[in-house]
Amino acid sequence: MTTAGPNPPPPQHPGTPWPGSAGPPPAARYGPEAYQGRPARPSAWSGARIAAVLVGILLALFGLGAFGTGLALGFFHVVARDDGYVTSPGEHVTSEGYAVLLGDAEVNTVGMPVDWPQRIVGDVRVRAESLDGGEIFVGIAPAFEAHRYLDGVHHHEVGDSPRWSVEHDGGEPAGPPEGEDFWREEAAGPGVQTLEVDELTTGRWALVVMSPDAEPGIDARVDVGATLPWLPWATVAALVIGLLALAGAVALIVSAARGARGGPPGAAPHGPVPYGAPAAPPGGPARPNL
């Protein structure tokens, strides 16, 4: 006599309740059967969203650069401006000779509109003060005239940096500086002496500091300033452009991130089929058990 074994459980489709148990076995709940019939979910980060993020990053970098430039220009406009002039730090000049020649500055306005130097640089101011309490002379002259006047005279020549200084040996000048007629602007006396140049012309110009009576020994402080009429407008423009670029960058990046979080349009929720819900087999929709 043959003893029949226990009847096998009826076949079940994934997602249908398991007879006589509180739930499906782990393989049916978490295995491949739980995803049977579910299409692969497309990536939420499309090419357009990735491109939007990259453009946003580049726009943010540009905005930071423009905003930083605006802050730097604003610093010069507010902090470095003295009585309307953006002024350089004072430079201490000394010499045991008769004069200090502060390097040649070339102004080239050839081919430019007549008023462009005035628009770009504005008015120029030079101040000199004797630090030993005596009188001081300061003058601006064509470079070749200044070199001719100091040729053979014991003096110091200072370049663009105070570290670059050359001492020229020689004797005393032929006469006091105030007796020469080649100075474009000049000032002499005790305390702070100021020169103002309201129009720059083409040429090479030199600044000379010495004693009014052509005595040896120079110990003075010199600074140079310019009005720079374009500076406030450039400051505001750089700040506004920087803020607009940063705002656009944030909008692009946030919009792309929100769209990616919401998933692609029409995408079904991704995950296992809930226990007890019918799932479509590979061959088509689920059929009811008979």
Protein backbone atom coordinates (compact mmCIF):
# COMPACT_ATOMS: atom_id res chain seq x y z
CA MET A 1 0.00 0.00 0.00
CA THR A 2 1.34 3.36 -1.01
CA THR A 3 1.11 6.16 1.45
CA ALA A 4 0.44 9.51 -0.15
CA GLY A 5 2.52 12.35 1.09
CA PRO A 6 1.15 15.70 2.09
CA ASN A 7 -0.51 17.59 -0.66
CA PRO A 8 1.77 20.28 -2.14
CA PRO A 9 0.59 23.87 -1.73
CA PRO A 10 -1.29 25.25 -4.67
CA PRO A 11 0.75 27.46 -6.97
CA GLN A 12 0.55 31.10 -6.16
CA HIS A 13 1.18 34.20 -8.17
CA PRO A 14 3.50 36.74 -6.64
CA GLY A 15 1.64 39.24 -4.60
CA THR A 16 -1.32 36.95 -3.60
CA PRO A 17 -1.81 35.87 0.04
CA TRP A 18 -0.08 32.70 1.07
CA PRO A 19 -2.69 30.16 2.29
CA GLY A 20 -2.57 29.28 5.91
CA SER A 21 0.24 31.65 6.84
CA ALA A 22 0.68 35.17 8.02
CA GLY A 23 2.64 36.15 4.95
CA PRO A 24 4.73 34.92 2.06
CA PRO A 25 8.10 33.31 2.59
CA PRO A 26 11.05 35.66 2.45
CA ALA A 27 11.84 34.72 -1.15
CA ALA A 28 8.37 35.79 -2.28
CA ARG A 29 8.41 39.01 -0.23
CA TYR A 30 11.92 40.25 -0.93
CA GLY A 31 13.28 38.14 -3.78
CA PRO A 32 13.06 38.69 -7.51
CA GLU A 33 9.42 37.57 -7.44
CA ALA A 34 8.53 40.79 -5.61
CA TYR A 35 9.73 42.85 -8.58
CA GLN A 36 8.28 40.59 -11.26
CA GLY A 37 6.59 42.59 -14.00
CA ARG A 38 7.84 45.96 -12.74
CA PRO A 39 9.64 48.09 -15.40
CA ALA A 40 13.05 49.54 -14.61
CA ARG A 41 12.80 53.06 -13.25
CA PRO A 42 14.52 55.65 -15.50
CA SER A 43 17.17 57.96 -13.95
CA ALA A 44 15.79 61.20 -12.52
CA TRP A 45 18.99 63.07 -13.50
CA SER A 46 18.41 63.74 -17.15
CA GLY A 47 20.97 65.40 -19.41
CA ALA A 48 19.11 68.72 -19.19
CA ARG A 49 19.19 68.69 -15.38
CA ILE A 50 22.89 67.85 -15.27
CA ALA A 51 23.59 70.63 -17.76
CA ALA A 52 21.55 73.03 -15.61
CA VAL A 53 23.66 72.17 -12.56
CA LEU A 54 26.93 72.65 -14.47
CA VAL A 55 25.77 75.99 -15.85
CA GLY A 56 24.69 76.98 -12.34
CA ILE A 57 28.14 76.15 -10.93
CA LEU A 58 29.88 78.18 -13.63
CA LEU A 59 27.46 81.05 -13.08
CA ALA A 60 28.11 80.90 -9.32
CA LEU A 61 31.88 81.10 -9.88
CA PHE A 62 31.43 84.08 -12.18
CA GLY A 63 29.10 85.72 -9.66
CA LEU A 64 31.57 85.23 -6.81
CA GLY A 65 34.35 86.76 -8.91
CA ALA A 66 32.23 89.77 -9.89
CA PHE A 67 31.02 90.28 -6.32
CA GLY A 68 34.58 90.04 -4.97
CA THR A 69 35.73 92.58 -7.55
CA GLY A 70 32.94 94.91 -6.47
CA LEU A 71 33.97 94.58 -2.83
CA ALA A 72 37.61 95.36 -3.69
CA LEU A 73 36.60 98.40 -5.76
CA GLY A 74 34.30 99.51 -2.96
CA PHE A 75 37.18 99.28 -0.49
CA PHE A 76 39.29 101.61 -2.62
CA HIS A 77 36.35 103.94 -3.15
CA VAL A 78 35.41 104.20 0.54
CA VAL A 79 38.55 103.46 2.55
CA ALA A 80 41.40 104.60 0.28
CA ARG A 81 39.70 107.82 -0.86
CA ASP A 82 41.06 110.92 0.84
CA ASP A 83 39.38 114.25 0.13
CA GLY A 84 38.06 112.90 -3.18
CA TYR A 85 41.32 111.25 -4.25
CA VAL A 86 42.04 107.51 -4.16
CA THR A 87 45.43 107.82 -2.51
CA SER A 88 48.39 105.47 -2.36
CA PRO A 89 50.06 104.72 0.97
CA GLY A 90 52.65 107.31 1.85
CA GLU A 91 56.16 106.49 0.68
CA HIS A 92 59.13 107.44 2.84
CA VAL A 93 61.95 108.83 0.67
CA THR A 94 65.40 109.71 1.95
CA SER A 95 68.68 110.76 0.44
CA GLU A 96 71.96 112.19 1.67
CA GLY A 97 72.18 113.95 -1.67
CA TYR A 98 70.32 116.94 -3.03
CA ALA A 99 67.19 115.34 -4.50
CA VAL A 100 65.04 112.25 -4.87
CA LEU A 101 63.78 111.45 -8.37
CA LEU A 102 60.68 109.25 -8.32
CA GLY A 103 60.61 107.12 -11.50
CA ASP A 104 59.27 108.09 -14.87
CA ALA A 105 55.56 107.75 -15.59
CA GLU A 106 54.55 107.49 -19.23
CA VAL A 107 51.25 108.93 -20.42
CA ASN A 108 50.23 107.94 -23.94
CA THR A 109 46.97 109.42 -25.22
CA VAL A 110 47.73 109.02 -28.94
CA GLY A 111 44.66 107.69 -30.75
CA MET A 112 42.39 108.24 -27.73
CA PRO A 113 39.56 110.74 -27.48
CA VAL A 114 40.70 114.01 -25.99
CA ASP A 115 38.76 113.62 -22.74
CA TRP A 116 39.53 109.93 -22.08
CA PRO A 117 42.48 110.51 -19.71
CA GLN A 118 40.25 112.80 -17.69
CA ARG A 119 37.47 110.21 -17.65
CA ILE A 120 39.77 107.36 -16.63
CA VAL A 121 42.29 108.96 -14.28
CA GLY A 122 40.60 112.24 -13.46
CA ASP A 123 42.60 114.80 -11.50
CA VAL A 124 45.99 113.81 -10.06
CA ARG A 125 47.31 114.99 -6.72
CA VAL A 126 50.83 114.72 -5.27
CA ARG A 127 51.59 115.57 -1.64
CA ALA A 128 55.01 115.84 0.00
CA GLU A 129 55.89 116.61 3.59
CA SER A 130 59.30 117.11 5.17
CA LEU A 131 59.71 114.83 8.17
CA ASP A 132 62.47 116.89 9.76
CA GLY A 133 60.32 119.99 10.13
CA GLY A 134 62.00 121.96 7.37
CA GLU A 135 60.77 123.20 4.01
CA ILE A 136 60.26 120.88 1.06
CA PHE A 137 60.05 121.34 -2.71
CA VAL A 138 58.07 119.01 -4.97
CA GLY A 139 57.72 119.38 -8.72
CA ILE A 140 56.45 117.50 -11.79
CA ALA A 141 58.46 117.92 -14.97
CA PRO A 142 59.08 116.17 -18.29
CA ALA A 143 61.37 113.25 -17.53
CA PHE A 144 64.17 114.37 -19.84
CA GLU A 145 64.18 117.85 -18.26
CA ALA A 146 64.35 116.41 -14.75
CA HIS A 147 67.23 114.10 -15.74
CA ARG A 148 69.04 116.97 -17.41
CA TYR A 149 68.66 119.15 -14.29
CA LEU A 150 69.98 116.38 -12.02
CA ASP A 151 72.74 115.23 -14.35
CA GLY A 152 75.99 115.28 -12.38
CA VAL A 153 74.12 115.97 -9.12
CA HIS A 154 74.30 113.68 -6.09
CA HIS A 155 70.76 112.27 -5.79
CA HIS A 156 68.72 109.08 -5.43
CA GLU A 157 66.42 107.65 -8.09
CA VAL A 158 63.51 105.52 -6.90
CA GLY A 159 61.63 103.19 -9.24
CA ASP A 160 58.14 101.72 -9.04
CA SER A 161 59.06 100.04 -5.74
CA PRO A 162 60.94 101.64 -2.83
CA ARG A 163 63.18 98.57 -2.87
CA TRP A 164 64.50 99.70 -6.27
CA SER A 165 66.70 102.70 -5.56
CA VAL A 166 69.85 103.90 -7.28
CA GLU A 167 72.26 106.43 -5.84
CA HIS A 168 73.91 108.72 -8.36
CA ASP A 169 77.15 110.34 -7.27
CA GLY A 170 77.88 113.94 -8.09
CA GLY A 171 77.95 117.44 -6.73
CA GLU A 172 75.39 120.14 -6.07
CA PRO A 173 72.82 121.40 -8.58
CA ALA A 174 73.45 124.47 -10.69
CA GLY A 175 70.75 126.40 -8.85
CA PRO A 176 67.66 126.05 -6.66
CA PRO A 177 64.73 124.20 -8.27
CA GLU A 178 62.36 127.17 -8.07
CA GLY A 179 64.61 129.06 -10.48
CA GLU A 180 63.90 126.56 -13.31
CA ASP A 181 61.04 127.07 -15.76
CA PHE A 182 60.47 123.50 -16.99
CA TRP A 183 58.24 122.41 -14.11
CA ARG A 184 54.69 121.49 -15.13
CA GLU A 185 53.53 121.98 -11.52
CA GLU A 186 55.56 122.87 -8.43
CA ALA A 187 55.11 123.73 -4.77
CA ALA A 188 57.51 124.63 -1.97
CA GLY A 189 57.32 125.56 1.69
CA PRO A 190 56.92 124.10 5.19
CA GLY A 191 54.43 121.39 6.09
CA VAL A 192 52.48 119.45 3.48
CA GLN A 193 52.96 120.70 -0.08
CA THR A 194 50.33 119.72 -2.65
CA LEU A 195 50.37 119.57 -6.44
CA GLU A 196 47.21 119.09 -8.49
CA VAL A 197 47.23 118.21 -12.20
CA ASP A 198 43.82 118.45 -13.84
CA GLU A 199 44.81 117.33 -17.34
CA LEU A 200 47.29 114.68 -18.42
CA THR A 201 49.11 115.04 -21.72
CA THR A 202 51.21 112.60 -23.70
CA GLY A 203 54.79 112.23 -22.52
CA ARG A 204 57.05 110.88 -19.80
CA TRP A 205 56.82 112.70 -16.49
CA ALA A 206 59.01 112.61 -13.39
CA LEU A 207 58.48 113.71 -9.81
CA VAL A 208 61.34 115.48 -8.00
CA VAL A 209 61.57 116.06 -4.24
CA MET A 210 64.34 118.27 -2.86
CA SER A 211 65.10 121.24 -0.64
CA PRO A 212 63.86 124.61 -1.95
CA ASP A 213 67.30 126.11 -1.44
CA ALA A 214 69.09 123.10 -2.95
CA GLU A 215 70.62 121.97 0.33
CA PRO A 216 71.65 118.29 0.79
CA GLY A 217 69.67 115.87 2.93
CA ILE A 218 66.13 114.73 2.07
CA ASP A 219 63.76 113.07 4.51
CA ALA A 220 60.17 113.27 3.31
CA ARG A 221 56.89 111.43 2.91
CA VAL A 222 55.21 111.40 -0.51
CA ASP A 223 51.83 110.08 -1.68
CA VAL A 224 50.01 110.16 -5.02
CA GLY A 225 46.26 110.12 -5.63
CA ALA A 226 43.72 110.31 -8.45
CA THR A 227 39.99 110.96 -8.48
CA LEU A 228 39.14 107.94 -10.73
CA PRO A 229 35.62 109.12 -11.66
CA TRP A 230 34.61 105.68 -12.98
CA LEU A 231 35.26 103.88 -9.68
CA PRO A 232 31.83 104.28 -7.96
CA TRP A 233 29.94 103.21 -11.09
CA ALA A 234 32.20 100.19 -11.59
CA THR A 235 31.72 99.23 -7.93
CA VAL A 236 27.92 99.26 -8.16
CA ALA A 237 27.92 97.46 -11.53
CA ALA A 238 30.22 94.68 -10.27
CA LEU A 239 28.16 94.15 -7.11
CA VAL A 240 24.84 94.05 -9.01
CA ILE A 241 26.18 91.69 -11.70
CA GLY A 242 27.65 89.43 -9.02
CA LEU A 243 24.37 89.25 -7.06
CA LEU A 244 22.32 88.58 -10.20
CA ALA A 245 24.70 85.83 -11.30
CA LEU A 246 24.59 84.19 -7.85
CA ALA A 247 20.78 84.38 -7.78
CA GLY A 248 20.58 82.78 -11.23
CA ALA A 249 23.00 80.04 -10.18
CA VAL A 250 20.95 79.21 -7.08
CA ALA A 251 17.75 79.12 -9.12
CA LEU A 252 19.22 76.73 -11.70
CA ILE A 253 20.73 74.33 -9.16
CA VAL A 254 17.66 74.29 -6.87
CA SER A 255 15.28 73.77 -9.81
CA ALA A 256 17.32 70.86 -11.14
CA ALA A 257 17.60 69.26 -7.68
CA ARG A 258 13.85 69.54 -7.02
CA GLY A 259 13.03 68.04 -10.40
CA ALA A 260 15.38 65.13 -9.79
CA ARG A 261 13.87 64.50 -6.36
CA GLY A 262 10.41 64.27 -7.87
CA GLY A 263 11.56 61.69 -10.47
CA PRO A 264 11.01 61.61 -14.21
CA PRO A 265 7.55 62.51 -15.51
CA GLY A 266 5.13 59.56 -15.47
CA ALA A 267 7.50 57.27 -13.58
CA ALA A 268 5.80 54.72 -11.35
CA PRO A 269 6.92 54.35 -7.74
CA HIS A 270 9.87 52.00 -7.55
CA GLY A 271 10.05 49.19 -5.03
CA PRO A 272 8.69 45.74 -4.16
CA VAL A 273 5.07 44.88 -4.80
CA PRO A 274 3.16 45.35 -1.51
CA TYR A 275 2.18 42.10 0.12
CA GLY A 276 -1.29 41.10 -0.92
CA ALA A 277 -1.38 43.21 -4.08
CA PRO A 278 -1.54 41.42 -7.44
CA ALA A 279 1.57 41.60 -9.55
CA ALA A 280 1.75 41.16 -13.28
CA PRO A 281 3.69 38.07 -14.39
CA PRO A 282 6.10 38.33 -17.30
CA GLY A 283 3.53 36.98 -19.76
CA GLY A 284 0.89 39.59 -19.05
CA PRO A 285 -1.56 40.66 -16.39
CA ALA A 286 -2.25 38.32 -13.49
CA ARG A 287 -5.16 35.90 -13.84
CA PRO A 288 -7.37 35.03 -10.89
CA ASN A 289 -6.82 31.61 -9.33
CA LEU A 290 -9.58 29.15 -10.00
